[in-house]
Amino acid sequence: CSTNGLSAPRGASFGVSRFDRKLAAEQLVRAKESADFAVVSVHWGTEGDSVPSEEQRTIADYLSAHGADVILGHHPHTLQPIAWIDRTADERWWRILLEISCPPCCIPSTWWAVC
């Protein structure tokens, strides 16, 4: 794993937390036990890219499949598209708002995510 091409020091007591699928799923289960709505904020993407990477899409799909209602992505310092992920479960249908990347200056004041 790297961050913008820089490797994190192995064994260091500091640094960047890497995405852990199992941990994310466990945290979403806990969030859904105490809340009706789960918002996930992810620091991801390649700086300067205006198109989401395959890794971003894969992680977003995983998070939505495990209960995320809104996924807010941030990092690339450029706008990336907003998308919807359609889901069905127990014969219900809903949409997951996926905001791939948004610079802090552009975060809207209101989010409507689940129909």
Protein backbone atom coordinates (compact mmCIF):
# COMPACT_ATOMS: atom_id res chain seq x y z
CA CYS A 1 0.00 0.00 0.00
CA SER A 2 1.11 3.53 -0.62
CA THR A 3 -0.17 7.06 -0.21
CA ASN A 4 0.49 9.13 -3.31
CA GLY A 5 3.43 6.89 -4.12
CA LEU A 6 4.99 7.10 -0.65
CA SER A 7 5.23 3.92 1.40
CA ALA A 8 4.22 4.10 5.02
CA PRO A 9 6.94 3.00 7.44
CA ARG A 10 6.43 -0.60 8.57
CA GLY A 11 5.97 -1.11 12.28
CA ALA A 12 5.68 2.61 13.03
CA SER A 13 3.34 3.66 15.84
CA PHE A 14 2.12 6.55 13.69
CA GLY A 15 0.79 6.95 10.19
CA VAL A 16 -2.26 6.33 8.07
CA SER A 17 -4.92 3.74 8.85
CA ARG A 18 -5.42 1.43 5.90
CA PHE A 19 -8.86 0.31 4.79
CA ASP A 20 -9.75 -2.91 6.57
CA ARG A 21 -12.82 -4.66 5.13
CA LYS A 22 -13.56 -6.70 8.24
CA LEU A 23 -13.24 -3.70 10.55
CA ALA A 24 -15.41 -1.53 8.28
CA ALA A 25 -18.16 -4.19 8.22
CA GLU A 26 -18.01 -4.55 12.02
CA GLN A 27 -18.19 -0.78 12.52
CA LEU A 28 -21.19 -0.52 10.16
CA VAL A 29 -23.02 -3.26 12.08
CA ARG A 30 -22.42 -1.35 15.33
CA ALA A 31 -23.49 1.93 13.74
CA LYS A 32 -26.73 0.44 12.42
CA GLU A 33 -27.53 -0.98 15.89
CA SER A 34 -27.65 2.51 17.36
CA ALA A 35 -28.65 4.69 14.40
CA ASP A 36 -31.13 4.66 11.55
CA PHE A 37 -28.66 6.12 9.11
CA ALA A 38 -24.94 5.40 8.60
CA VAL A 39 -22.65 8.00 7.03
CA VAL A 40 -19.12 6.90 6.11
CA SER A 41 -16.32 9.35 5.40
CA VAL A 42 -13.40 7.95 3.42
CA HIS A 43 -10.05 9.58 2.68
CA TRP A 44 -9.25 8.09 -0.72
CA GLY A 45 -8.36 8.64 -4.36
CA THR A 46 -5.35 9.89 -6.23
CA GLU A 47 -4.53 13.55 -5.85
CA GLY A 48 -5.52 15.51 -8.95
CA ASP A 49 -7.63 12.74 -10.54
CA SER A 50 -11.09 13.91 -11.60
CA VAL A 51 -12.32 10.34 -12.15
CA PRO A 52 -12.76 7.80 -9.33
CA SER A 53 -10.42 4.81 -9.38
CA GLU A 54 -11.56 1.21 -9.58
CA GLU A 55 -10.43 0.82 -5.96
CA GLN A 56 -12.72 3.69 -4.87
CA ARG A 57 -15.67 2.08 -6.67
CA THR A 58 -14.91 -1.34 -5.17
CA ILE A 59 -14.68 0.07 -1.64
CA ALA A 60 -17.87 2.11 -2.12
CA ASP A 61 -19.75 -0.98 -3.29
CA TYR A 62 -18.46 -2.93 -0.29
CA LEU A 63 -19.45 -0.19 2.17
CA SER A 64 -22.93 0.17 0.70
CA ALA A 65 -23.43 -3.61 0.76
CA HIS A 66 -22.58 -3.58 4.46
CA GLY A 67 -24.97 -0.81 5.47
CA ALA A 68 -23.56 2.60 4.54
CA ASP A 69 -26.35 5.01 3.60
CA VAL A 70 -24.10 7.89 2.58
CA ILE A 71 -20.45 7.64 1.56
CA LEU A 72 -18.48 10.88 1.54
CA GLY A 73 -15.11 10.67 -0.14
CA HIS A 74 -12.38 13.25 0.19
CA HIS A 75 -8.75 13.72 -0.76
CA PRO A 76 -7.93 14.28 -4.47
CA HIS A 77 -8.20 18.09 -4.23
CA THR A 78 -10.45 18.09 -7.27
CA LEU A 79 -14.11 17.38 -7.89
CA GLN A 80 -15.12 13.85 -8.78
CA PRO A 81 -18.68 12.86 -9.72
CA ILE A 82 -21.55 12.17 -7.35
CA ALA A 83 -23.18 8.79 -7.94
CA TRP A 84 -26.03 6.64 -6.65
CA ILE A 85 -25.70 2.98 -5.78
CA ASP A 86 -29.03 1.16 -6.07
CA ARG A 87 -29.66 -1.60 -3.52
CA THR A 88 -32.47 -4.01 -2.77
CA ALA A 89 -32.94 -6.08 0.38
CA ASP A 90 -35.98 -7.71 1.95
CA GLU A 91 -37.98 -6.59 -1.10
CA ARG A 92 -37.24 -2.95 -0.30
CA TRP A 93 -35.37 -0.63 -2.62
CA TRP A 94 -33.18 2.28 -1.71
CA ARG A 95 -30.38 4.36 -3.12
CA ILE A 96 -27.04 5.01 -1.50
CA LEU A 97 -25.56 8.43 -2.11
CA LEU A 98 -21.96 8.12 -3.11
CA GLU A 99 -20.06 11.39 -3.15
CA ILE A 100 -16.73 10.26 -4.54
CA SER A 101 -14.64 13.31 -3.81
CA CYS A 102 -15.39 16.81 -2.78
CA PRO A 103 -12.97 19.53 -1.70
CA PRO A 104 -13.99 21.03 1.67
CA CYS A 105 -15.01 24.29 0.00
CA CYS A 106 -17.69 22.50 -2.05
CA ILE A 107 -19.53 20.39 0.56
CA PRO A 108 -23.24 21.18 0.27
CA SER A 109 -25.09 22.20 3.41
CA THR A 110 -27.83 19.58 2.94
CA TRP A 111 -27.64 15.94 1.81
CA TRP A 112 -30.71 13.95 0.79
CA ALA A 113 -29.58 10.37 0.50
CA VAL A 114 -32.24 7.72 0.96
CA CYS A 115 -35.44 7.73 -1.05
